PDB file of N, CA and C in Angstrom:
ATOM      1  N   UNK A   1      77.313 106.737  83.538  1.00  0.00           N
ATOM      2  CA  UNK A   1      78.024 106.139  84.404  1.00  0.00           C
ATOM      3  C   UNK A   1      79.430 106.466  84.419  1.00  0.00           C
ATOM      4  N   UNK A   2      80.007 106.969  85.590  1.00  0.00           N
ATOM      5  CA  UNK A   2      81.085 107.246  85.579  1.00  0.00           C
ATOM      6  C   UNK A   2      82.439 105.938  85.574  1.00  0.00           C
ATOM      7  N   UNK A   3      82.968 106.611  84.616  1.00  0.00           N
ATOM      8  CA  UNK A   3      84.575 105.545  84.534  1.00  0.00           C
ATOM      9  C   UNK A   3      84.860 105.420  85.501  1.00  0.00           C
ATOM     10  N   UNK A   4      85.972 104.316  85.604  1.00  0.00           N
ATOM     11  CA  UNK A   4      86.991 103.552  86.778  1.00  0.00           C
ATOM     12  C   UNK A   4      88.319 104.019  86.434  1.00  0.00           C
ATOM     13  N   UNK A   5      89.072 104.683  86.840  1.00  0.00           N
ATOM     14  CA  UNK A   5      90.429 104.639  86.263  1.00  0.00           C
ATOM     15  C   UNK A   5      91.118 103.858  87.086  1.00  0.00           C
ATOM     16  N   UNK A   6      92.577 103.727  86.448  1.00  0.00           N
ATOM     17  CA  UNK A   6      93.276 103.044  87.677  1.00  0.00           C
ATOM     18  C   UNK A   6      93.546 103.552  88.611  1.00  0.00           C
ATOM     19  N   UNK A   7      93.707 104.678  88.776  1.00  0.00           N
ATOM     20  CA  UNK A   7      93.903 105.033  90.157  1.00  0.00           C
ATOM     21  C   UNK A   7      93.411 105.169  91.120  1.00  0.00           C
ATOM     22  N   UNK A   8      91.923 105.325  90.808  1.00  0.00           N
ATOM     23  CA  UNK A   8      90.786 105.145  91.688  1.00  0.00           C
ATOM     24  C   UNK A   8      90.858 103.677  92.166  1.00  0.00           C
ATOM     25  N   UNK A   9      91.039 102.735  91.340  1.00  0.00           N
ATOM     26  CA  UNK A   9      91.544 101.135  91.714  1.00  0.00           C
ATOM     27  C   UNK A   9      92.808 100.855  92.634  1.00  0.00           C
ATOM     28  N   UNK A  10      93.727 101.770  92.439  1.00  0.00           N
ATOM     29  CA  UNK A  10      94.652 101.471  93.264  1.00  0.00           C
ATOM     30  C   UNK A  10      94.111 102.230  95.078  1.00  0.00           C
ATOM     31  N   UNK A  11      93.695 103.403  94.705  1.00  0.00           N
ATOM     32  CA  UNK A  11      93.232 103.719  95.975  1.00  0.00           C
ATOM     33  C   UNK A  11      91.998 103.190  96.697  1.00  0.00           C
ATOM     34  N   UNK A  12      91.445 102.414  96.057  1.00  0.00           N
ATOM     35  CA  UNK A  12      89.977 101.791  96.839  1.00  0.00           C
ATOM     36  C   UNK A  12      90.152 100.534  96.796  1.00  0.00           C
ATOM     37  N   UNK A  13      90.397  99.613  95.857  1.00  0.00           N
ATOM     38  CA  UNK A  13      90.560  98.180  95.505  1.00  0.00           C
ATOM     39  C   UNK A  13      90.784  97.463  96.640  1.00  0.00           C
ATOM     40  N   UNK A  14      90.333  96.326  96.959  1.00  0.00           N
ATOM     41  CA  UNK A  14      91.164  95.244  97.907  1.00  0.00           C
ATOM     42  C   UNK A  14      91.347  94.053  96.911  1.00  0.00           C
ATOM     43  N   UNK A  15      90.634  93.918  96.034  1.00  0.00           N
ATOM     44  CA  UNK A  15      90.501  92.808  94.899  1.00  0.00           C
ATOM     45  C   UNK A  15      90.009  93.070  93.664  1.00  0.00           C
ATOM     46  N   UNK A  16      90.773  92.851  92.564  1.00  0.00           N
ATOM     47  CA  UNK A  16      90.012  92.831  91.251  1.00  0.00           C
ATOM     48  C   UNK A  16      89.933  91.470  90.704  1.00  0.00           C
ATOM     49  N   UNK A  17      89.109  91.290  89.886  1.00  0.00           N
ATOM     50  CA  UNK A  17      88.711  89.971  89.162  1.00  0.00           C
ATOM     51  C   UNK A  17      88.868  90.308  87.524  1.00  0.00           C
ATOM     52  N   UNK A  18      89.689  89.371  86.478  1.00  0.00           N
ATOM     53  CA  UNK A  18      90.115  89.940  85.262  1.00  0.00           C
ATOM     54  C   UNK A  18      89.051  88.949  84.394  1.00  0.00           C
ATOM     55  N   UNK A  19      88.641  89.040  83.525  1.00  0.00           N
ATOM     56  CA  UNK A  19      87.941  88.577  82.386  1.00  0.00           C
ATOM     57  C   UNK A  19      88.207  87.140  82.526  1.00  0.00           C
ATOM     58  N   UNK A  20      89.337  86.180  82.763  1.00  0.00           N
ATOM     59  CA  UNK A  20      89.789  85.122  82.182  1.00  0.00           C
ATOM     60  C   UNK A  20      89.272  84.715  83.670  1.00  0.00           C
ATOM     61  N   UNK A  21      88.671  85.467  84.941  1.00  0.00           N
ATOM     62  CA  UNK A  21      88.641  84.682  85.860  1.00  0.00           C
ATOM     63  C   UNK A  21      89.294  85.104  87.357  1.00  0.00           C
ATOM     64  N   UNK A  22      90.752  84.687  86.991  1.00  0.00           N
ATOM     65  CA  UNK A  22      91.498  85.546  87.784  1.00  0.00           C
ATOM     66  C   UNK A  22      91.562  86.351  89.260  1.00  0.00           C
ATOM     67  N   UNK A  23      91.717  86.032  90.226  1.00  0.00           N
ATOM     68  CA  UNK A  23      91.812  87.001  90.994  1.00  0.00           C
ATOM     69  C   UNK A  23      92.918  87.646  91.525  1.00  0.00           C
ATOM     70  N   UNK A  24      93.287  88.724  91.851  1.00  0.00           N
ATOM     71  CA  UNK A  24      94.238  89.548  92.632  1.00  0.00           C
ATOM     72  C   UNK A  24      94.129  90.191  93.339  1.00  0.00           C
ATOM     73  N   UNK A  25      95.070  90.715  94.145  1.00  0.00           N
ATOM     74  CA  UNK A  25      94.767  91.603  95.536  1.00  0.00           C
ATOM     75  C   UNK A  25      95.784  92.723  95.327  1.00  0.00           C
ATOM     76  N   UNK A  26      95.061  93.629  95.916  1.00  0.00           N
ATOM     77  CA  UNK A  26      95.893  94.899  95.947  1.00  0.00           C
ATOM     78  C   UNK A  26      97.243  95.000  96.683  1.00  0.00           C
ATOM     79  N   UNK A  27      98.534  95.054  96.227  1.00  0.00           N
ATOM     80  CA  UNK A  27      99.543  95.447  97.342  1.00  0.00           C
ATOM     81  C   UNK A  27      99.668  96.892  97.917  1.00  0.00           C
ATOM     82  N   UNK A  28      98.836  97.676  97.476  1.00  0.00           N
ATOM     83  CA  UNK A  28      98.760  99.041  97.765  1.00  0.00           C
ATOM     84  C   UNK A  28     100.046  99.760  97.619  1.00  0.00           C
ATOM     85  N   UNK A  29     101.047  99.283  95.864  1.00  0.00           N
ATOM     86  CA  UNK A  29     101.995 100.133  95.821  1.00  0.00           C
ATOM     87  C   UNK A  29     101.864 100.400  94.168  1.00  0.00           C
ATOM     88  N   UNK A  30     100.679 100.038  93.680  1.00  0.00           N
ATOM     89  CA  UNK A  30     100.635 100.118  92.188  1.00  0.00           C
ATOM     90  C   UNK A  30     100.691  98.711  91.599  1.00  0.00           C
ATOM     91  N   UNK A  31     100.882  97.657  92.456  1.00  0.00           N
ATOM     92  CA  UNK A  31     100.760  96.310  92.195  1.00  0.00           C
ATOM     93  C   UNK A  31      99.722  95.373  92.561  1.00  0.00           C
ATOM     94  N   UNK A  32      99.832  94.317  92.068  1.00  0.00           N
ATOM     95  CA  UNK A  32      98.774  93.470  92.279  1.00  0.00           C
ATOM     96  C   UNK A  32      98.943  92.265  92.167  1.00  0.00           C
ATOM     97  N   UNK A  33      99.134  91.239  93.004  1.00  0.00           N
ATOM     98  CA  UNK A  33      99.261  89.886  93.407  1.00  0.00           C
ATOM     99  C   UNK A  33      98.393  88.748  93.093  1.00  0.00           C
ATOM    100  N   UNK A  34      98.783  87.616  91.933  1.00  0.00           N
ATOM    101  CA  UNK A  34      97.801  86.718  91.857  1.00  0.00           C
ATOM    102  C   UNK A  34      97.228  85.856  93.031  1.00  0.00           C
ATOM    103  N   UNK A  35      96.278  85.375  93.102  1.00  0.00           N
ATOM    104  CA  UNK A  35      95.645  85.082  94.203  1.00  0.00           C
ATOM    105  C   UNK A  35      96.617  83.349  94.444  1.00  0.00           C
ATOM    106  N   UNK A  36      96.883  82.578  93.326  1.00  0.00           N
ATOM    107  CA  UNK A  36      97.106  81.551  93.603  1.00  0.00           C
ATOM    108  C   UNK A  36      98.779  81.229  93.270  1.00  0.00           C
ATOM    109  N   UNK A  37      99.047  81.813  92.159  1.00  0.00           N
ATOM    110  CA  UNK A  37     100.553  81.688  91.260  1.00  0.00           C
ATOM    111  C   UNK A  37     101.446  82.868  92.614  1.00  0.00           C
ATOM    112  N   UNK A  38     101.072  83.853  92.854  1.00  0.00           N
ATOM    113  CA  UNK A  38     101.797  84.891  93.750  1.00  0.00           C
ATOM    114  C   UNK A  38     102.246  85.428  92.648  1.00  0.00           C
ATOM    115  N   UNK A  39     101.752  85.660  91.073  1.00  0.00           N
ATOM    116  CA  UNK A  39     102.646  86.353  90.195  1.00  0.00           C
ATOM    117  C   UNK A  39     102.556  87.638  90.693  1.00  0.00           C
ATOM    118  N   UNK A  40     103.230  89.118  90.585  1.00  0.00           N
ATOM    119  CA  UNK A  40     103.146  90.219  90.739  1.00  0.00           C
ATOM    120  C   UNK A  40     103.001  90.965  89.236  1.00  0.00           C
ATOM    121  N   UNK A  41     102.079  92.077  89.317  1.00  0.00           N
ATOM    122  CA  UNK A  41     102.143  92.555  87.913  1.00  0.00           C
ATOM    123  C   UNK A  41     101.412  94.185  88.357  1.00  0.00           C
ATOM    124  N   UNK A  42     101.441  95.132  87.458  1.00  0.00           N
ATOM    125  CA  UNK A  42     101.559  96.373  87.603  1.00  0.00           C
ATOM    126  C   UNK A  42      99.954  96.845  87.230  1.00  0.00           C
ATOM    127  N   UNK A  43      99.820  97.824  87.741  1.00  0.00           N
ATOM    128  CA  UNK A  43      97.793  98.133  87.427  1.00  0.00           C
ATOM    129  C   UNK A  43      98.071  98.490  85.825  1.00  0.00           C
ATOM    130  N   UNK A  44      98.786  99.121  85.544  1.00  0.00           N
ATOM    131  CA  UNK A  44      98.812  99.094  83.923  1.00  0.00           C
ATOM    132  C   UNK A  44      98.352  98.119  83.340  1.00  0.00           C
ATOM    133  N   UNK A  45      99.132  96.720  83.389  1.00  0.00           N
ATOM    134  CA  UNK A  45      99.205  95.623  82.746  1.00  0.00           C
ATOM    135  C   UNK A  45      97.852  94.850  83.008  1.00  0.00           C
ATOM    136  N   UNK A  46      97.064  94.831  84.218  1.00  0.00           N
ATOM    137  CA  UNK A  46      96.215  94.510  84.419  1.00  0.00           C
ATOM    138  C   UNK A  46      94.624  95.322  84.171  1.00  0.00           C
ATOM    139  N   UNK A  47      94.783  96.656  84.189  1.00  0.00           N
ATOM    140  CA  UNK A  47      93.791  97.583  84.001  1.00  0.00           C
ATOM    141  C   UNK A  47      92.725  96.813  82.770  1.00  0.00           C
ATOM    142  N   UNK A  48      93.367  96.689  81.359  1.00  0.00           N
ATOM    143  CA  UNK A  48      92.480  96.364  80.717  1.00  0.00           C
ATOM    144  C   UNK A  48      92.025  95.473  80.024  1.00  0.00           C
ATOM    145  N   UNK A  49      92.324  94.240  81.256  1.00  0.00           N
ATOM    146  CA  UNK A  49      91.697  92.853  81.225  1.00  0.00           C
ATOM    147  C   UNK A  49      90.536  92.544  82.805  1.00  0.00           C
ATOM    148  N   UNK A  50      90.403  94.048  83.197  1.00  0.00           N
ATOM    149  CA  UNK A  50      89.919  93.997  84.792  1.00  0.00           C
ATOM    150  C   UNK A  50      88.230  93.934  84.365  1.00  0.00           C
ATOM    151  N   UNK A  51      87.302  92.979  85.327  1.00  0.00           N
ATOM    152  CA  UNK A  51      86.065  92.850  84.785  1.00  0.00           C
ATOM    153  C   UNK A  51      85.169  93.323  86.218  1.00  0.00           C
ATOM    154  N   UNK A  52      85.940  93.264  86.974  1.00  0.00           N
ATOM    155  CA  UNK A  52      85.127  93.517  88.347  1.00  0.00           C
ATOM    156  C   UNK A  52      86.294  93.915  89.547  1.00  0.00           C
ATOM    157  N   UNK A  53      85.801  95.190  90.535  1.00  0.00           N
ATOM    158  CA  UNK A  53      86.598  95.655  91.427  1.00  0.00           C
ATOM    159  C   UNK A  53      85.593  95.587  92.656  1.00  0.00           C
ATOM    160  N   UNK A  54      86.393  95.080  93.529  1.00  0.00           N
ATOM    161  CA  UNK A  54      85.664  95.251  94.874  1.00  0.00           C
ATOM    162  C   UNK A  54      86.676  95.624  95.875  1.00  0.00           C
ATOM    163  N   UNK A  55      85.627  96.685  96.739  1.00  0.00           N
ATOM    164  CA  UNK A  55      86.496  97.633  97.890  1.00  0.00           C
ATOM    165  C   UNK A  55      86.148  96.611  99.017  1.00  0.00           C
ATOM    166  N   UNK A  56      86.410  97.481 100.167  1.00  0.00           N
ATOM    167  CA  UNK A  56      86.648  96.994 101.406  1.00  0.00           C
ATOM    168  C   UNK A  56      85.122  96.743 101.955  1.00  0.00           C
ATOM    169  N   UNK A  57      84.591  95.717 102.492  1.00  0.00           N
ATOM    170  CA  UNK A  57      83.340  96.028 102.996  1.00  0.00           C
ATOM    171  C   UNK A  57      82.842  95.020 102.044  1.00  0.00           C
ATOM    172  N   UNK A  58      83.434  94.213 101.091  1.00  0.00           N
ATOM    173  CA  UNK A  58      83.042  93.121 100.432  1.00  0.00           C
ATOM    174  C   UNK A  58      81.849  93.482  99.277  1.00  0.00           C
ATOM    175  N   UNK A  59      82.303  95.130  98.932  1.00  0.00           N
ATOM    176  CA  UNK A  59      81.417  95.735  98.039  1.00  0.00           C
ATOM    177  C   UNK A  59      81.906  95.633  96.545  1.00  0.00           C
ATOM    178  N   UNK A  60      81.371  95.523  95.454  1.00  0.00           N
ATOM    179  CA  UNK A  60      81.612  95.825  94.094  1.00  0.00           C
ATOM    180  C   UNK A  60      81.395  97.106  93.947  1.00  0.00           C
ATOM    181  N   UNK A  61      82.406  97.752  93.287  1.00  0.00           N
ATOM    182  CA  UNK A  61      82.376  99.335  93.122  1.00  0.00           C
ATOM    183  C   UNK A  61      82.682  99.560  91.792  1.00  0.00           C
ATOM    184  N   UNK A  62      82.947  98.457  90.874  1.00  0.00           N
ATOM    185  CA  UNK A  62      83.387  99.038  89.180  1.00  0.00           C
ATOM    186  C   UNK A  62      82.699  97.438  88.721  1.00  0.00           C
ATOM    187  N   UNK A  63      82.505  97.883  87.132  1.00  0.00           N
ATOM    188  CA  UNK A  63      82.435  96.409  86.830  1.00  0.00           C
ATOM    189  C   UNK A  63      82.201  96.357  84.796  1.00  0.00           C
ATOM    190  N   UNK A  64      82.459  95.479  84.483  1.00  0.00           N
ATOM    191  CA  UNK A  64      82.436  95.474  82.841  1.00  0.00           C
ATOM    192  C   UNK A  64      81.511  94.605  82.670  1.00  0.00           C
ATOM    193  N   UNK A  65      80.760  95.251  81.726  1.00  0.00           N
ATOM    194  CA  UNK A  65      79.405  93.986  81.945  1.00  0.00           C
ATOM    195  C   UNK A  65      80.237  92.796  80.217  1.00  0.00           C
ATOM    196  N   UNK A  66      80.569  93.619  79.646  1.00  0.00           N
ATOM    197  CA  UNK A  66      81.210  93.467  78.232  1.00  0.00           C
ATOM    198  C   UNK A  66      83.133  93.423  78.234  1.00  0.00           C
ATOM    199  N   UNK A  67      83.274  92.712  77.145  1.00  0.00           N
ATOM    200  CA  UNK A  67      84.963  92.789  77.317  1.00  0.00           C
ATOM    201  C   UNK A  67      84.957  94.465  76.299  1.00  0.00           C
ATOM    202  N   UNK A  68      84.207  94.489  75.462  1.00  0.00           N
ATOM    203  CA  UNK A  68      84.442  96.031  74.553  1.00  0.00           C
ATOM    204  C   UNK A  68      84.132  97.142  75.665  1.00  0.00           C
ATOM    205  N   UNK A  69      83.679  96.780  76.445  1.00  0.00           N
ATOM    206  CA  UNK A  69      83.121  98.262  77.732  1.00  0.00           C
ATOM    207  C   UNK A  69      84.403  98.420  78.322  1.00  0.00           C
ATOM    208  N   UNK A  70      83.809  99.641  78.693  1.00  0.00           N
ATOM    209  CA  UNK A  70      84.868 100.503  79.668  1.00  0.00           C
ATOM    210  C   UNK A  70      84.325 100.185  81.018  1.00  0.00           C
ATOM    211  N   UNK A  71      85.215 100.129  82.038  1.00  0.00           N
ATOM    212  CA  UNK A  71      85.093  99.614  83.005  1.00  0.00           C
ATOM    213  C   UNK A  71      84.672 100.707  83.852  1.00  0.00           C
ATOM    214  N   UNK A  72      83.297 100.876  84.546  1.00  0.00           N
ATOM    215  CA  UNK A  72      82.064 101.754  85.354  1.00  0.00           C
ATOM    216  C   UNK A  72      82.072 101.568  86.635  1.00  0.00           C
ATOM    217  N   UNK A  73      81.864 102.781  87.407  1.00  0.00           N
ATOM    218  CA  UNK A  73      81.448 102.736  88.729  1.00  0.00           C
ATOM    219  C   UNK A  73      80.278 102.625  88.866  1.00  0.00           C
ATOM    220  N   UNK A  74      79.661 101.088  89.888  1.00  0.00           N
ATOM    221  CA  UNK A  74      78.786 101.120  90.249  1.00  0.00           C
ATOM    222  C   UNK A  74      77.948 102.060  91.556  1.00  0.00           C
ATOM    223  N   UNK A  75      76.910 103.117  91.146  1.00  0.00           N
ATOM    224  CA  UNK A  75      76.330 103.345  92.114  1.00  0.00           C
ATOM    225  C   UNK A  75      74.774 103.391  92.694  1.00  0.00           C
ATOM    226  N   UNK A  76      74.408 102.740  93.860  1.00  0.00           N
ATOM    227  CA  UNK A  76      75.736 102.193  94.782  1.00  0.00           C
ATOM    228  C   UNK A  76      76.468 101.116  94.364  1.00  0.00           C
ATOM    229  N   UNK A  77      77.348 100.944  95.265  1.00  0.00           N
ATOM    230  CA  UNK A  77      78.143  99.637  95.314  1.00  0.00           C
ATOM    231  C   UNK A  77      77.154  98.539  95.769  1.00  0.00           C
ATOM    232  N   UNK A  78      77.197  97.346  95.143  1.00  0.00           N
ATOM    233  CA  UNK A  78      76.645  96.375  95.250  1.00  0.00           C
ATOM    234  C   UNK A  78      77.472  95.311  96.253  1.00  0.00           C
ATOM    235  N   UNK A  79      76.778  94.908  97.292  1.00  0.00           N
ATOM    236  CA  UNK A  79      77.208  93.548  97.912  1.00  0.00           C
ATOM    237  C   UNK A  79      77.855  92.334  97.131  1.00  0.00           C
ATOM    238  N   UNK A  80      78.767  91.814  97.343  1.00  0.00           N
ATOM    239  CA  UNK A  80      79.435  90.504  97.097  1.00  0.00           C
ATOM    240  C   UNK A  80      78.434  89.657  97.410  1.00  0.00           C
ATOM    241  N   UNK A  81      77.739  88.728  96.964  1.00  0.00           N
ATOM    242  CA  UNK A  81      76.749  87.220  97.294  1.00  0.00           C
ATOM    243  C   UNK A  81      77.510  86.370  98.860  1.00  0.00           C
ATOM    244  N   UNK A  82      78.672  86.208  99.014  1.00  0.00           N
ATOM    245  CA  UNK A  82      79.215  85.302 100.026  1.00  0.00           C
ATOM    246  C   UNK A  82      80.877  85.527  99.643  1.00  0.00           C
ATOM    247  N   UNK A  83      81.430  85.996 100.662  1.00  0.00           N
ATOM    248  CA  UNK A  83      82.537  85.806 101.367  1.00  0.00           C
ATOM    249  C   UNK A  83      83.236  84.564 101.890  1.00  0.00           C
ATOM    250  N   UNK A  84      82.129  83.658 102.113  1.00  0.00           N
ATOM    251  CA  UNK A  84      82.929  82.536 102.691  1.00  0.00           C
ATOM    252  C   UNK A  84      84.055  82.091 101.750  1.00  0.00           C
TER     253      UNK A  84
END
């Protein structure tokens, strides 16, 4: 499986979900904003904690199954269950 780099996340991700369950939206400038409290952090801070990466079209492009594993690309990307 191909590893997912921070640069690729910046280029393609719409949102990321961290291991604590929080969701962060890509601002497109190397930073992400928290969904509810609007805290802004850089990808370098969030990257080790990312569990799931979602790209446009609601597709999961990368995932980490266990905390000790690396973030890897899904081939092919998997559709998110529900956008509602």
